[in-house]
Amino acid sequence: MTKQKLTYTEAITELEQILAELESSSEVNMDLISEKVKRAALLMEFCKKQLHDLDEELEKMMADLGD
């Protein structure tokens, strides 16, 4: 089975879902909260890298246009 690559939009959607679940939960299950926070941290790092890569790509294109 091929693993599908995560997209920026999917990561943002999952982050929003995690936040909504944490905000709406009246239960305090520390294991579940810890798991969700760890996943959210991974997703945020993924998004940060995607934005950084895009920024570098745009900077390069702008520099190429200036030549």
C-alpha atoms as a PDB file:
ATOM      1  CA  MET A   1       0.000   0.000   0.000  1.00  0.00           C
ATOM      2  CA  THR A   2       1.314   3.439  -0.942  1.00  0.00           C
ATOM      3  CA  LYS A   3       1.368   6.070   1.785  1.00  0.00           C
ATOM      4  CA  GLN A   4      -0.264   9.310   0.648  1.00  0.00           C
ATOM      5  CA  LYS A   5       1.824  12.446   1.126  1.00  0.00           C
ATOM      6  CA  LEU A   6       0.344  14.987   3.520  1.00  0.00           C
ATOM      7  CA  THR A   7      -0.512  18.363   2.020  1.00  0.00           C
ATOM      8  CA  TYR A   8      -0.389  21.750   3.721  1.00  0.00           C
ATOM      9  CA  THR A   9      -4.176  22.070   3.508  1.00  0.00           C
ATOM     10  CA  GLU A  10      -4.703  18.638   5.047  1.00  0.00           C
ATOM     11  CA  ALA A  11      -2.294  19.486   7.877  1.00  0.00           C
ATOM     12  CA  ILE A  12      -4.100  22.766   8.621  1.00  0.00           C
ATOM     13  CA  THR A  13      -7.467  20.989   8.564  1.00  0.00           C
ATOM     14  CA  GLU A  14      -6.206  18.345  10.990  1.00  0.00           C
ATOM     15  CA  LEU A  15      -4.765  21.040  13.273  1.00  0.00           C
ATOM     16  CA  GLU A  16      -8.124  22.831  13.321  1.00  0.00           C
ATOM     17  CA  GLN A  17      -9.859  19.543  14.121  1.00  0.00           C
ATOM     18  CA  ILE A  18      -7.470  18.810  16.999  1.00  0.00           C
ATOM     19  CA  LEU A  19      -8.018  22.300  18.402  1.00  0.00           C
ATOM     20  CA  ALA A  20     -11.796  21.971  18.165  1.00  0.00           C
ATOM     21  CA  GLU A  21     -11.686  18.578  19.900  1.00  0.00           C
ATOM     22  CA  LEU A  22      -9.523  19.908  22.715  1.00  0.00           C
ATOM     23  CA  GLU A  23     -11.682  23.004  23.166  1.00  0.00           C
ATOM     24  CA  SER A  24     -14.962  21.080  23.204  1.00  0.00           C
ATOM     25  CA  SER A  25     -13.870  18.214  25.436  1.00  0.00           C
ATOM     26  CA  SER A  26     -14.984  18.341  29.046  1.00  0.00           C
ATOM     27  CA  GLU A  27     -12.921  15.234  29.818  1.00  0.00           C
ATOM     28  CA  VAL A  28      -9.397  15.507  31.129  1.00  0.00           C
ATOM     29  CA  ASN A  29      -7.652  12.481  29.680  1.00  0.00           C
ATOM     30  CA  MET A  30      -3.990  13.380  29.942  1.00  0.00           C
ATOM     31  CA  ASP A  31      -2.874  10.544  27.644  1.00  0.00           C
ATOM     32  CA  LEU A  32      -5.262  11.670  24.921  1.00  0.00           C
ATOM     33  CA  ILE A  33      -4.334  15.333  25.363  1.00  0.00           C
ATOM     34  CA  SER A  34      -0.642  14.461  25.220  1.00  0.00           C
ATOM     35  CA  GLU A  35      -1.156  12.419  22.046  1.00  0.00           C
ATOM     36  CA  LYS A  36      -3.085  15.241  20.359  1.00  0.00           C
ATOM     37  CA  VAL A  37      -0.548  17.901  21.377  1.00  0.00           C
ATOM     38  CA  LYS A  38       2.317  15.765  20.003  1.00  0.00           C
ATOM     39  CA  ARG A  39       0.460  15.292  16.711  1.00  0.00           C
ATOM     40  CA  ALA A  40      -0.308  19.018  16.549  1.00  0.00           C
ATOM     41  CA  ALA A  41       3.389  19.824  17.093  1.00  0.00           C
ATOM     42  CA  LEU A  42       4.351  17.541  14.194  1.00  0.00           C
ATOM     43  CA  LEU A  43       1.729  19.127  11.969  1.00  0.00           C
ATOM     44  CA  MET A  44       2.873  22.652  12.873  1.00  0.00           C
ATOM     45  CA  GLU A  45       6.482  21.740  12.099  1.00  0.00           C
ATOM     46  CA  PHE A  46       5.369  20.297   8.749  1.00  0.00           C
ATOM     47  CA  CYS A  47       3.437  23.491   7.912  1.00  0.00           C
ATOM     48  CA  LYS A  48       6.346  25.679   8.980  1.00  0.00           C
ATOM     49  CA  LYS A  49       8.700  23.744   6.678  1.00  0.00           C
ATOM     50  CA  GLN A  50       6.233  23.967   3.792  1.00  0.00           C
ATOM     51  CA  LEU A  51       5.960  27.744   4.212  1.00  0.00           C
ATOM     52  CA  HIS A  52       9.731  28.105   4.501  1.00  0.00           C
ATOM     53  CA  ASP A  53      10.291  26.058   1.326  1.00  0.00           C
ATOM     54  CA  LEU A  54       7.690  28.102  -0.534  1.00  0.00           C
ATOM     55  CA  ASP A  55       9.291  31.341   0.645  1.00  0.00           C
ATOM     56  CA  GLU A  56      12.698  30.201  -0.617  1.00  0.00           C
ATOM     57  CA  GLU A  57      11.205  29.173  -3.957  1.00  0.00           C
ATOM     58  CA  LEU A  58       9.462  32.546  -4.366  1.00  0.00           C
ATOM     59  CA  GLU A  59      12.649  34.421  -3.404  1.00  0.00           C
ATOM     60  CA  LYS A  60      14.571  32.473  -6.070  1.00  0.00           C
ATOM     61  CA  MET A  61      11.936  33.181  -8.718  1.00  0.00           C
ATOM     62  CA  MET A  62      11.952  36.880  -7.848  1.00  0.00           C
ATOM     63  CA  ALA A  63      15.768  36.952  -8.037  1.00  0.00           C
ATOM     64  CA  ASP A  64      15.646  35.193 -11.428  1.00  0.00           C
ATOM     65  CA  LEU A  65      13.184  37.776 -12.704  1.00  0.00           C
ATOM     66  CA  GLY A  66      15.544  40.539 -11.626  1.00  0.00           C
ATOM     67  CA  ASP A  67      18.448  39.161 -13.675  1.00  0.00           C
END
